[in-house]
């Protein structure tokens, strides 16, 4: 979609963006104007520079929300589309040199101590600076966060603090939860009876986490909405409860399914599974909170919960066969 918009708008640079909360550690796309030189550029301003820039120019309160509750400056997620011929020209002239940038990480609001040594950086999103004075068209395309952006970068202590201040934990738990939500939404958009939003919620290590159906759609099952719809000829006959977990991996067609528990369907390359009619009900899989005293693998410790129970149904076709299920 971003490439299509870039082509339609004849963009030299197109940045993918998402709605951004003020104070969130995500840069904002801005149009900067130098009245003295009579030049403008549309570019990302890093989050640690955005608030002071706004205070010094257009808003004495700094990085604040508008009526939507989000920042008026779209959040840059560093998914960039460049038109190649002008990009090659710039690389030839600049020899790949991009203006350097310093992004210090402080321990608290006093900004008197660093969390780690500060380094010089050069950022790919600064490329539009090298287009100033040309006729290049620089723009952005905004998308819903669920389809394109869920950072996983904070430990559970920092994640809880981030969620309290911005609404986004950006942790292992939130990243996994967002993946499940995205897949629920894709199935819901295809017409299945599954609740994508407004699902039960739990708190793990201080991080509020939605606990709807845990859906994993492998790329082999479908990578676009159309591919997923093609796998579901009668989506209104596919019902999945909030507590369920579903893994679909391979060439799988589902006509009629009622799921309340765990189901894993596998169709290795060259094989196919056709679910004509199936009802699955079992204990399924749960996510149980852990404490600091629990001795668990790191993959669970960074989430704040552990997976319990493997009781479920597994359907797997053998290589090269077409396996039909009707029961």
Protein backbone atom coordinates (compact mmCIF):
# COMPACT_ATOMS: atom_id res chain seq x y z
CA UNK A 1 0.00 0.00 0.00
CA UNK A 2 2.82 2.42 0.88
CA UNK A 3 4.53 1.75 -2.45
CA UNK A 4 1.25 2.34 -4.29
CA UNK A 5 0.68 5.66 -2.50
CA UNK A 6 4.29 6.65 -3.22
CA UNK A 7 3.78 5.95 -6.91
CA UNK A 8 0.42 7.74 -7.07
CA UNK A 9 1.81 10.81 -5.27
CA UNK A 10 5.12 10.73 -7.17
CA UNK A 11 6.93 10.92 -3.82
CA UNK A 12 10.70 11.01 -3.71
CA UNK A 13 10.44 10.07 -0.03
CA UNK A 14 7.42 8.58 1.74
CA UNK A 15 7.50 7.86 5.49
CA UNK A 16 5.04 5.44 7.06
CA UNK A 17 3.55 6.93 10.22
CA UNK A 18 1.13 6.04 13.00
CA UNK A 19 -0.90 8.15 15.44
CA UNK A 20 1.53 9.30 18.14
CA UNK A 21 0.98 10.08 21.82
CA UNK A 22 2.73 13.23 23.14
CA UNK A 23 5.86 12.26 25.04
CA UNK A 24 6.10 8.91 23.28
CA UNK A 25 9.63 7.91 22.27
CA UNK A 26 8.76 8.16 18.59
CA UNK A 27 9.85 10.99 16.30
CA UNK A 28 7.26 13.25 14.69
CA UNK A 29 6.94 14.23 11.02
CA UNK A 30 6.99 18.03 10.71
CA UNK A 31 7.21 20.66 8.00
CA UNK A 32 10.06 23.00 8.95
CA UNK A 33 10.29 26.49 7.44
CA UNK A 34 13.31 28.78 7.34
CA UNK A 35 11.79 32.17 6.53
CA UNK A 36 15.15 33.88 6.18
CA UNK A 37 16.36 31.46 3.52
CA UNK A 38 12.90 30.83 2.10
CA UNK A 39 13.19 27.05 2.26
CA UNK A 40 10.99 24.29 3.64
CA UNK A 41 11.44 20.61 4.32
CA UNK A 42 9.20 17.80 5.54
CA UNK A 43 11.21 15.64 7.88
CA UNK A 44 11.27 13.56 11.05
CA UNK A 45 12.13 15.43 14.25
CA UNK A 46 13.41 13.09 16.95
CA UNK A 47 11.25 12.83 20.07
CA UNK A 48 13.95 14.34 22.34
CA UNK A 49 14.11 17.40 20.07
CA UNK A 50 10.43 17.78 19.25
CA UNK A 51 9.21 19.23 22.56
CA UNK A 52 11.86 21.99 22.83
CA UNK A 53 11.41 22.80 19.13
CA UNK A 54 7.66 23.25 19.57
CA UNK A 55 8.13 25.36 22.71
CA UNK A 56 10.55 27.62 20.85
CA UNK A 57 8.30 28.03 17.81
CA UNK A 58 4.59 27.28 17.60
CA UNK A 59 3.43 26.01 21.01
CA UNK A 60 4.76 27.25 24.34
CA UNK A 61 3.32 24.12 26.00
CA UNK A 62 5.43 21.89 23.79
CA UNK A 63 4.44 18.37 22.77
CA UNK A 64 0.70 18.31 23.60
CA UNK A 65 -2.32 16.41 22.21
CA UNK A 66 -4.98 17.82 19.91
CA UNK A 67 -8.72 17.07 20.11
CA UNK A 68 -8.10 13.43 19.10
CA UNK A 69 -5.90 12.79 22.12
CA UNK A 70 -2.89 12.25 19.86
CA UNK A 71 -0.09 14.56 18.80
CA UNK A 72 -0.82 16.58 15.63
CA UNK A 73 2.60 15.40 14.42
CA UNK A 74 2.45 11.85 12.97
CA UNK A 75 4.73 9.27 14.56
CA UNK A 76 7.58 8.15 12.32
CA UNK A 77 8.16 4.36 12.42
CA UNK A 78 11.20 4.35 10.10
CA UNK A 79 9.53 2.47 7.28
CA UNK A 80 10.70 4.55 4.34
CA UNK A 81 10.05 4.41 0.61
CA UNK A 82 12.66 6.14 -1.60
CA UNK A 83 12.46 6.82 -5.32
CA UNK A 84 15.66 5.24 -6.58
CA UNK A 85 16.95 7.56 -9.39
CA UNK A 86 17.15 10.72 -7.20
CA UNK A 87 18.42 8.60 -4.30
CA UNK A 88 21.31 7.43 -6.50
CA UNK A 89 22.07 11.04 -7.46
CA UNK A 90 22.20 12.09 -3.80
CA UNK A 91 24.42 9.14 -2.88
CA UNK A 92 26.79 10.02 -5.71
CA UNK A 93 27.07 13.64 -4.55
CA UNK A 94 27.17 12.99 -0.80
CA UNK A 95 29.11 9.71 -0.94
CA UNK A 96 26.61 8.40 1.60
CA UNK A 97 27.37 10.99 4.26
CA UNK A 98 24.36 11.96 6.41
CA UNK A 99 24.40 14.78 9.04
CA UNK A 100 25.25 13.40 12.48
CA UNK A 101 22.96 13.47 15.48
CA UNK A 102 23.31 13.00 19.26
CA UNK A 103 20.53 11.26 21.21
CA UNK A 104 21.42 11.18 24.92
CA UNK A 105 19.53 8.78 27.21
CA UNK A 106 18.92 10.24 30.66
CA UNK A 107 18.06 8.43 33.90
CA UNK A 108 15.22 10.83 34.85
CA UNK A 109 13.52 14.17 34.17
CA UNK A 110 16.40 16.19 35.66
CA UNK A 111 18.58 15.18 32.70
CA UNK A 112 21.73 15.24 34.82
CA UNK A 113 22.83 11.61 34.44
CA UNK A 114 23.09 9.33 31.42
CA UNK A 115 21.73 5.78 31.45
CA UNK A 116 24.55 4.79 29.10
CA UNK A 117 27.31 6.50 27.10
CA UNK A 118 25.98 8.84 24.43
CA UNK A 119 27.12 8.31 20.87
CA UNK A 120 27.03 10.05 17.51
CA UNK A 121 24.42 8.65 15.15
CA UNK A 122 23.37 9.27 11.58
CA UNK A 123 19.81 8.45 10.71
CA UNK A 124 18.28 7.26 7.46
CA UNK A 125 15.19 9.38 8.17
CA UNK A 126 17.41 12.48 7.82
CA UNK A 127 17.82 11.77 4.10
CA UNK A 128 15.33 14.56 3.15
CA UNK A 129 17.86 17.10 4.48
CA UNK A 130 19.97 16.29 1.43
CA UNK A 131 17.02 17.11 -0.87
CA UNK A 132 16.57 20.71 0.34
CA UNK A 133 16.59 23.11 -2.60
CA UNK A 134 15.48 20.46 -5.08
CA UNK A 135 11.98 19.80 -6.44
CA UNK A 136 11.71 16.57 -4.51
CA UNK A 137 8.29 15.64 -3.12
CA UNK A 138 8.52 14.43 0.49
CA UNK A 139 5.43 13.13 2.26
CA UNK A 140 4.05 10.58 4.67
CA UNK A 141 1.35 7.90 4.74
CA UNK A 142 -0.43 7.25 8.04
CA UNK A 143 -1.73 3.81 8.95
CA UNK A 144 -3.38 2.25 12.00
CA UNK A 145 -0.82 0.97 14.49
CA UNK A 146 -2.29 -2.54 14.58
CA UNK A 147 -1.24 -3.29 11.02
CA UNK A 148 2.31 -1.94 11.01
CA UNK A 149 3.84 -0.93 14.34
CA UNK A 150 4.39 -2.53 17.74
CA UNK A 151 7.84 -1.94 19.19
CA UNK A 152 9.36 -4.48 21.61
CA UNK A 153 12.18 -2.69 23.40
CA UNK A 154 11.42 -2.16 27.12
CA UNK A 155 12.04 -4.41 30.12
CA UNK A 156 9.00 -5.08 32.30
CA UNK A 157 9.83 -2.32 34.83
CA UNK A 158 10.31 0.39 32.19
CA UNK A 159 7.38 -0.95 30.18
CA UNK A 160 4.95 -0.45 33.05
CA UNK A 161 6.15 3.15 33.44
CA UNK A 162 5.88 3.80 29.70
CA UNK A 163 2.39 2.39 29.56
CA UNK A 164 1.33 4.61 32.45
CA UNK A 165 2.66 7.74 30.73
CA UNK A 166 1.91 7.10 27.03
CA UNK A 167 -0.45 4.11 26.90
CA UNK A 168 2.11 1.97 25.07
CA UNK A 169 4.25 -0.52 27.00
CA UNK A 170 6.39 -1.56 24.00
CA UNK A 171 7.43 -4.76 25.78
CA UNK A 172 7.53 -8.47 25.01
CA UNK A 173 4.06 -8.91 26.52
CA UNK A 174 2.49 -6.03 24.59
CA UNK A 175 4.21 -7.04 21.35
CA UNK A 176 2.88 -10.60 21.58
CA UNK A 177 -0.58 -9.31 22.49
CA UNK A 178 -0.57 -6.88 19.56
CA UNK A 179 0.32 -9.69 17.16
CA UNK A 180 -2.65 -11.73 18.35
CA UNK A 181 -4.90 -8.67 18.04
CA UNK A 182 -3.74 -7.99 14.49
CA UNK A 183 -4.56 -11.56 13.48
CA UNK A 184 -7.95 -11.40 15.23
CA UNK A 185 -8.72 -8.24 13.29
CA UNK A 186 -7.72 -9.88 10.02
CA UNK A 187 -10.07 -12.79 10.70
CA UNK A 188 -12.83 -10.40 11.78
CA UNK A 189 -12.35 -8.34 8.61
CA UNK A 190 -12.64 -11.57 6.61
CA UNK A 191 -16.04 -12.18 8.23
CA UNK A 192 -15.25 -14.66 11.00
CA UNK A 193 -17.12 -14.51 14.30
CA UNK A 194 -14.26 -13.50 16.58
CA UNK A 195 -13.93 -10.55 18.90
CA UNK A 196 -10.92 -8.45 17.87
CA UNK A 197 -11.25 -5.67 20.45
CA UNK A 198 -12.91 -5.11 23.83
CA UNK A 199 -11.57 -8.46 25.05
CA UNK A 200 -10.77 -9.53 28.64
CA UNK A 201 -7.66 -7.94 30.13
CA UNK A 202 -5.03 -9.10 32.63
CA UNK A 203 -2.10 -7.36 34.33
CA UNK A 204 1.34 -8.97 34.18
CA UNK A 205 4.16 -7.29 36.14
CA UNK A 206 2.19 -4.04 36.09
CA UNK A 207 1.54 -4.19 32.33
CA UNK A 208 -2.10 -4.24 31.27
CA UNK A 209 -2.46 -6.81 28.52
CA UNK A 210 -5.54 -7.76 26.42
CA UNK A 211 -6.30 -11.48 26.55
CA UNK A 212 -8.51 -12.23 23.57
CA UNK A 213 -8.14 -15.23 21.30
CA UNK A 214 -4.48 -15.98 20.63
CA UNK A 215 -4.34 -16.26 16.84
CA UNK A 216 -1.19 -17.04 14.84
CA UNK A 217 -1.44 -16.85 11.05
CA UNK A 218 1.74 -18.09 9.38
CA UNK A 219 2.77 -16.40 6.11
CA UNK A 220 2.05 -19.71 4.39
CA UNK A 221 -1.62 -19.34 5.39
CA UNK A 222 -2.02 -15.81 4.06
CA UNK A 223 -0.17 -12.50 3.88
CA UNK A 224 -2.94 -10.25 2.56
CA UNK A 225 -6.60 -9.81 3.44
CA UNK A 226 -7.55 -11.30 0.07
CA UNK A 227 -5.40 -14.39 0.63
CA UNK A 228 -6.95 -14.88 4.08
CA UNK A 229 -10.48 -14.42 2.71
CA UNK A 230 -9.76 -17.04 0.06
CA UNK A 231 -8.96 -19.54 2.83
CA UNK A 232 -12.39 -18.96 4.42
CA UNK A 233 -15.20 -19.65 1.90
CA UNK A 234 -17.89 -19.40 4.64
CA UNK A 235 -16.38 -17.09 7.29
CA UNK A 236 -19.72 -16.66 9.08
CA UNK A 237 -19.41 -20.34 10.00
CA UNK A 238 -16.06 -19.79 11.76
CA UNK A 239 -16.56 -19.07 15.47
CA UNK A 240 -13.66 -18.55 17.87
CA UNK A 241 -14.08 -17.81 21.60
CA UNK A 242 -12.03 -15.26 23.56
CA UNK A 243 -10.13 -17.93 25.49
CA UNK A 244 -9.12 -19.89 22.39
CA UNK A 245 -5.74 -20.20 20.73
CA UNK A 246 -5.46 -20.96 17.01
CA UNK A 247 -2.39 -21.60 14.88
CA UNK A 248 -2.82 -21.89 11.09
CA UNK A 249 0.28 -22.87 9.15
CA UNK A 250 0.16 -23.80 5.46
CA UNK A 251 -2.38 -24.40 2.70
CA UNK A 252 -5.54 -24.62 4.82
CA UNK A 253 -9.17 -24.05 3.86
CA UNK A 254 -11.78 -23.70 6.61
CA UNK A 255 -15.48 -24.00 5.80
CA UNK A 256 -17.00 -24.56 9.24
CA UNK A 257 -15.22 -24.33 12.61
CA UNK A 258 -16.33 -23.79 16.18
CA UNK A 259 -13.34 -23.37 18.50
CA UNK A 260 -13.29 -23.07 22.29
CA UNK A 261 -9.80 -24.14 23.32
CA UNK A 262 -6.58 -24.80 21.43
CA UNK A 263 -6.23 -25.87 17.78
CA UNK A 264 -3.06 -26.12 15.70
CA UNK A 265 -3.42 -26.94 11.99
CA UNK A 266 -0.32 -27.73 9.91
CA UNK A 267 -0.08 -28.30 6.18
CA UNK A 268 3.57 -28.81 5.14
CA UNK A 269 4.63 -27.63 1.70
CA UNK A 270 2.91 -29.69 -1.00
CA UNK A 271 0.07 -30.80 1.26
CA UNK A 272 -3.34 -29.33 2.04
CA UNK A 273 -5.84 -29.42 4.92
CA UNK A 274 -9.55 -28.86 4.24
CA UNK A 275 -11.73 -28.41 7.31
CA UNK A 276 -15.27 -29.14 6.15
CA UNK A 277 -16.80 -29.19 9.61
CA UNK A 278 -15.11 -29.23 13.02
CA UNK A 279 -15.93 -28.45 16.64
CA UNK A 280 -13.05 -28.24 19.11
CA UNK A 281 -13.48 -27.79 22.86
CA UNK A 282 -10.67 -28.40 25.33
CA UNK A 283 -8.80 -26.83 28.26
CA UNK A 284 -6.59 -24.87 25.91
CA UNK A 285 -3.67 -22.61 26.84
CA UNK A 286 -3.53 -19.98 29.57
CA UNK A 287 -1.05 -17.22 30.44
CA UNK A 288 -0.40 -17.20 34.19
CA UNK A 289 1.33 -14.33 36.05
CA UNK A 290 4.77 -14.92 37.52
CA UNK A 291 6.54 -13.23 40.41
CA UNK A 292 10.16 -12.17 40.81
CA UNK A 293 10.74 -15.31 42.90
CA UNK A 294 9.58 -17.70 40.17
CA UNK A 295 12.38 -19.58 38.42
CA UNK A 296 11.30 -19.47 34.77
CA UNK A 297 13.02 -19.24 31.41
CA UNK A 298 13.94 -15.76 30.27
CA UNK A 299 11.41 -15.88 27.41
CA UNK A 300 8.70 -15.86 30.10
CA UNK A 301 10.45 -13.59 32.59
CA UNK A 302 10.58 -10.73 30.07
CA UNK A 303 6.83 -11.08 29.52
CA UNK A 304 5.71 -11.36 33.14
CA UNK A 305 3.73 -14.55 32.49
CA UNK A 306 4.24 -18.21 31.70
CA UNK A 307 2.27 -20.37 29.27
CA UNK A 308 0.39 -23.20 30.93
CA UNK A 309 -1.28 -26.22 29.39
CA UNK A 310 -0.66 -27.84 26.04
CA UNK A 311 -3.93 -29.72 25.96
CA UNK A 312 -5.41 -29.17 22.55
CA UNK A 313 -6.08 -30.49 19.09
CA UNK A 314 -3.36 -30.81 16.46
CA UNK A 315 -4.25 -31.55 12.83
CA UNK A 316 -1.32 -32.19 10.50
CA UNK A 317 -1.31 -33.36 6.90
CA UNK A 318 1.49 -35.58 5.70
CA UNK A 319 3.72 -34.42 2.87
CA UNK A 320 1.85 -34.31 -0.43
CA UNK A 321 -1.58 -35.37 0.84
CA UNK A 322 -4.93 -33.57 0.85
CA UNK A 323 -6.36 -34.15 4.32
CA UNK A 324 -10.07 -33.48 4.86
CA UNK A 325 -11.69 -33.06 8.27
CA UNK A 326 -15.44 -33.51 8.74
CA UNK A 327 -16.71 -34.39 12.19
